[in-house]
């Protein structure tokens, strides 16, 4: 700890930087949330989403993703909130990150395809949705999202 002393007193006085660091470290905002606390925040955000309070839910979901950025469940929830707010670019980013964090999250892949369609990026959407349909031929868990992907591909073909 680098300290300064006053000419009349030999008691060390913390520098301004040390004072700021100490204040930030002592603040409640800087503490880390435990897994159960983040899960509670997520559950509360889900309740707010169901109640149509997307603005409040969004704030809470951002906290979840900040504290657990590798959790695809929180990224999916964030993406769904953005979709409901018609923030399609942000939704696409959240769903793409969820897919990157968990390549077996076929619902996230489906949401990527849907967002691309909403953004009128039809060719990209066809690739994602087509890959999901092909994947379902070998992976049973992909069957439900792939069924929706087939419908979206038909719609994209008509566009």
Protein backbone atom coordinates (compact mmCIF):
# COMPACT_ATOMS: atom_id res chain seq x y z
CA UNK A 1 0.00 0.00 0.00
CA UNK A 2 1.51 3.28 -1.11
CA UNK A 3 0.75 5.95 1.41
CA UNK A 4 1.50 9.55 1.91
CA UNK A 5 2.37 11.26 5.17
CA UNK A 6 1.63 14.80 6.15
CA UNK A 7 4.55 16.93 7.31
CA UNK A 8 3.11 17.35 10.82
CA UNK A 9 1.86 13.83 11.32
CA UNK A 10 3.59 10.51 10.75
CA UNK A 11 0.25 8.64 10.38
CA UNK A 12 0.04 7.22 6.83
CA UNK A 13 -2.74 8.72 4.68
CA UNK A 14 -4.01 6.57 1.79
CA UNK A 15 -3.64 8.06 -1.67
CA UNK A 16 -6.79 9.05 -3.56
CA UNK A 17 -6.51 5.94 -5.73
CA UNK A 18 -6.34 3.72 -2.66
CA UNK A 19 -9.33 5.49 -1.15
CA UNK A 20 -11.37 4.94 -4.32
CA UNK A 21 -10.33 1.28 -4.56
CA UNK A 22 -11.27 0.77 -0.92
CA UNK A 23 -14.66 2.40 -1.37
CA UNK A 24 -15.45 0.29 -4.43
CA UNK A 25 -14.34 -2.90 -2.70
CA UNK A 26 -16.50 -2.09 0.29
CA UNK A 27 -19.61 -1.27 -1.74
CA UNK A 28 -22.41 -3.80 -2.00
CA UNK A 29 -22.45 -3.41 -5.79
CA UNK A 30 -18.98 -4.88 -6.14
CA UNK A 31 -19.70 -8.13 -4.35
CA UNK A 32 -20.16 -11.31 -6.34
CA UNK A 33 -23.51 -13.07 -6.37
CA UNK A 34 -23.60 -16.75 -5.53
CA UNK A 35 -25.15 -19.25 -7.95
CA UNK A 36 -28.39 -19.43 -5.92
CA UNK A 37 -28.61 -15.63 -5.88
CA UNK A 38 -28.15 -15.41 -9.66
CA UNK A 39 -30.75 -18.14 -10.09
CA UNK A 40 -33.16 -16.17 -7.87
CA UNK A 41 -32.58 -13.04 -9.98
CA UNK A 42 -33.26 -15.11 -13.11
CA UNK A 43 -36.47 -16.56 -11.67
CA UNK A 44 -37.64 -13.08 -10.74
CA UNK A 45 -36.86 -11.86 -14.25
CA UNK A 46 -38.84 -14.76 -15.71
CA UNK A 47 -41.83 -13.77 -13.56
CA UNK A 48 -41.51 -10.20 -14.77
CA UNK A 49 -41.40 -11.42 -18.38
CA UNK A 50 -44.60 -13.39 -17.87
CA UNK A 51 -46.20 -10.27 -16.36
CA UNK A 52 -45.17 -8.21 -19.40
CA UNK A 53 -42.63 -6.08 -17.50
CA UNK A 54 -39.88 -6.49 -20.06
CA UNK A 55 -37.99 -3.34 -19.03
CA UNK A 56 -37.49 -4.59 -15.46
CA UNK A 57 -36.82 -8.14 -16.63
CA UNK A 58 -34.18 -6.91 -19.08
CA UNK A 59 -32.21 -5.22 -16.31
CA UNK A 60 -32.23 -8.37 -14.20
CA UNK A 61 -31.30 -10.62 -17.11
CA UNK A 62 -28.34 -8.40 -17.97
CA UNK A 63 -27.14 -8.89 -14.39
CA UNK A 64 -27.47 -12.67 -14.78
CA UNK A 65 -25.46 -12.65 -18.00
CA UNK A 66 -22.82 -10.34 -16.52
CA UNK A 67 -22.33 -12.67 -13.57
CA UNK A 68 -22.61 -15.93 -15.53
CA UNK A 69 -21.68 -15.10 -19.15
CA UNK A 70 -21.18 -18.75 -20.10
CA UNK A 71 -24.65 -19.88 -19.02
CA UNK A 72 -26.75 -20.45 -22.14
CA UNK A 73 -29.98 -20.47 -20.10
CA UNK A 74 -29.43 -16.85 -19.06
CA UNK A 75 -28.42 -15.89 -22.60
CA UNK A 76 -31.59 -17.52 -23.94
CA UNK A 77 -33.74 -15.60 -21.49
CA UNK A 78 -31.98 -12.36 -22.41
CA UNK A 79 -32.57 -13.10 -26.09
CA UNK A 80 -36.26 -13.81 -25.52
CA UNK A 81 -36.63 -10.55 -23.61
CA UNK A 82 -34.98 -8.64 -26.43
CA UNK A 83 -37.29 -10.35 -28.94
CA UNK A 84 -40.33 -9.29 -26.96
CA UNK A 85 -38.97 -5.74 -26.95
CA UNK A 86 -38.43 -5.99 -30.74
CA UNK A 87 -34.68 -5.56 -30.31
CA UNK A 88 -33.89 -8.13 -32.98
CA UNK A 89 -30.18 -7.36 -33.32
CA UNK A 90 -29.61 -7.74 -29.57
CA UNK A 91 -31.75 -10.87 -29.51
CA UNK A 92 -29.66 -12.36 -32.32
CA UNK A 93 -26.46 -11.63 -30.40
CA UNK A 94 -27.80 -13.29 -27.23
CA UNK A 95 -29.04 -16.38 -29.10
CA UNK A 96 -25.80 -16.68 -31.07
CA UNK A 97 -23.83 -16.53 -27.83
CA UNK A 98 -26.11 -19.16 -26.28
CA UNK A 99 -25.41 -21.40 -29.28
CA UNK A 100 -21.67 -20.80 -28.93
CA UNK A 101 -21.77 -21.61 -25.20
CA UNK A 102 -23.87 -24.74 -25.73
CA UNK A 103 -23.77 -26.15 -29.28
CA UNK A 104 -26.34 -28.75 -28.24
CA UNK A 105 -28.88 -26.00 -27.48
CA UNK A 106 -31.06 -26.54 -30.53
CA UNK A 107 -33.64 -24.05 -29.30
CA UNK A 108 -30.95 -21.36 -29.43
CA UNK A 109 -30.09 -22.35 -33.01
CA UNK A 110 -33.77 -22.12 -33.93
CA UNK A 111 -33.97 -18.66 -32.37
CA UNK A 112 -30.89 -17.57 -34.35
CA UNK A 113 -32.67 -18.65 -37.53
CA UNK A 114 -35.87 -16.85 -36.55
CA UNK A 115 -34.01 -13.64 -35.71
CA UNK A 116 -32.21 -13.74 -39.02
CA UNK A 117 -35.58 -14.03 -40.77
CA UNK A 118 -36.98 -11.11 -38.79
CA UNK A 119 -33.92 -9.09 -39.81
CA UNK A 120 -34.58 -10.10 -43.45
CA UNK A 121 -31.30 -11.97 -43.67
CA UNK A 122 -33.05 -14.80 -45.47
CA UNK A 123 -30.05 -16.61 -46.98
CA UNK A 124 -28.29 -16.79 -43.59
CA UNK A 125 -31.50 -17.94 -41.96
CA UNK A 126 -31.96 -20.72 -44.50
CA UNK A 127 -28.45 -22.01 -43.75
CA UNK A 128 -29.03 -22.08 -39.99
CA UNK A 129 -32.51 -23.59 -40.21
CA UNK A 130 -31.40 -26.11 -42.85
CA UNK A 131 -28.51 -27.24 -40.65
CA UNK A 132 -30.94 -27.69 -37.76
CA UNK A 133 -33.25 -29.84 -39.90
CA UNK A 134 -30.29 -31.97 -41.01
CA UNK A 135 -29.09 -32.32 -37.43
CA UNK A 136 -32.48 -33.65 -36.35
CA UNK A 137 -31.98 -36.65 -38.64
CA UNK A 138 -29.23 -37.83 -36.28
CA UNK A 139 -30.01 -36.16 -32.95
CA UNK A 140 -33.39 -36.80 -31.35
CA UNK A 141 -33.23 -33.71 -29.10
CA UNK A 142 -33.21 -31.51 -32.22
CA UNK A 143 -36.54 -32.90 -33.50
CA UNK A 144 -38.89 -30.34 -31.94
CA UNK A 145 -36.86 -27.24 -32.93
CA UNK A 146 -36.29 -28.81 -36.36
CA UNK A 147 -40.05 -29.18 -36.91
CA UNK A 148 -40.44 -25.43 -36.41
CA UNK A 149 -37.36 -24.85 -38.58
CA UNK A 150 -39.05 -26.74 -41.44
CA UNK A 151 -42.07 -24.44 -41.23
CA UNK A 152 -39.84 -21.39 -41.21
CA UNK A 153 -37.89 -22.70 -44.19
CA UNK A 154 -41.15 -23.04 -46.11
CA UNK A 155 -42.03 -19.46 -45.22
CA UNK A 156 -38.53 -18.29 -46.17
CA UNK A 157 -38.87 -20.10 -49.50
CA UNK A 158 -42.03 -18.11 -50.22
CA UNK A 159 -40.28 -14.81 -49.44
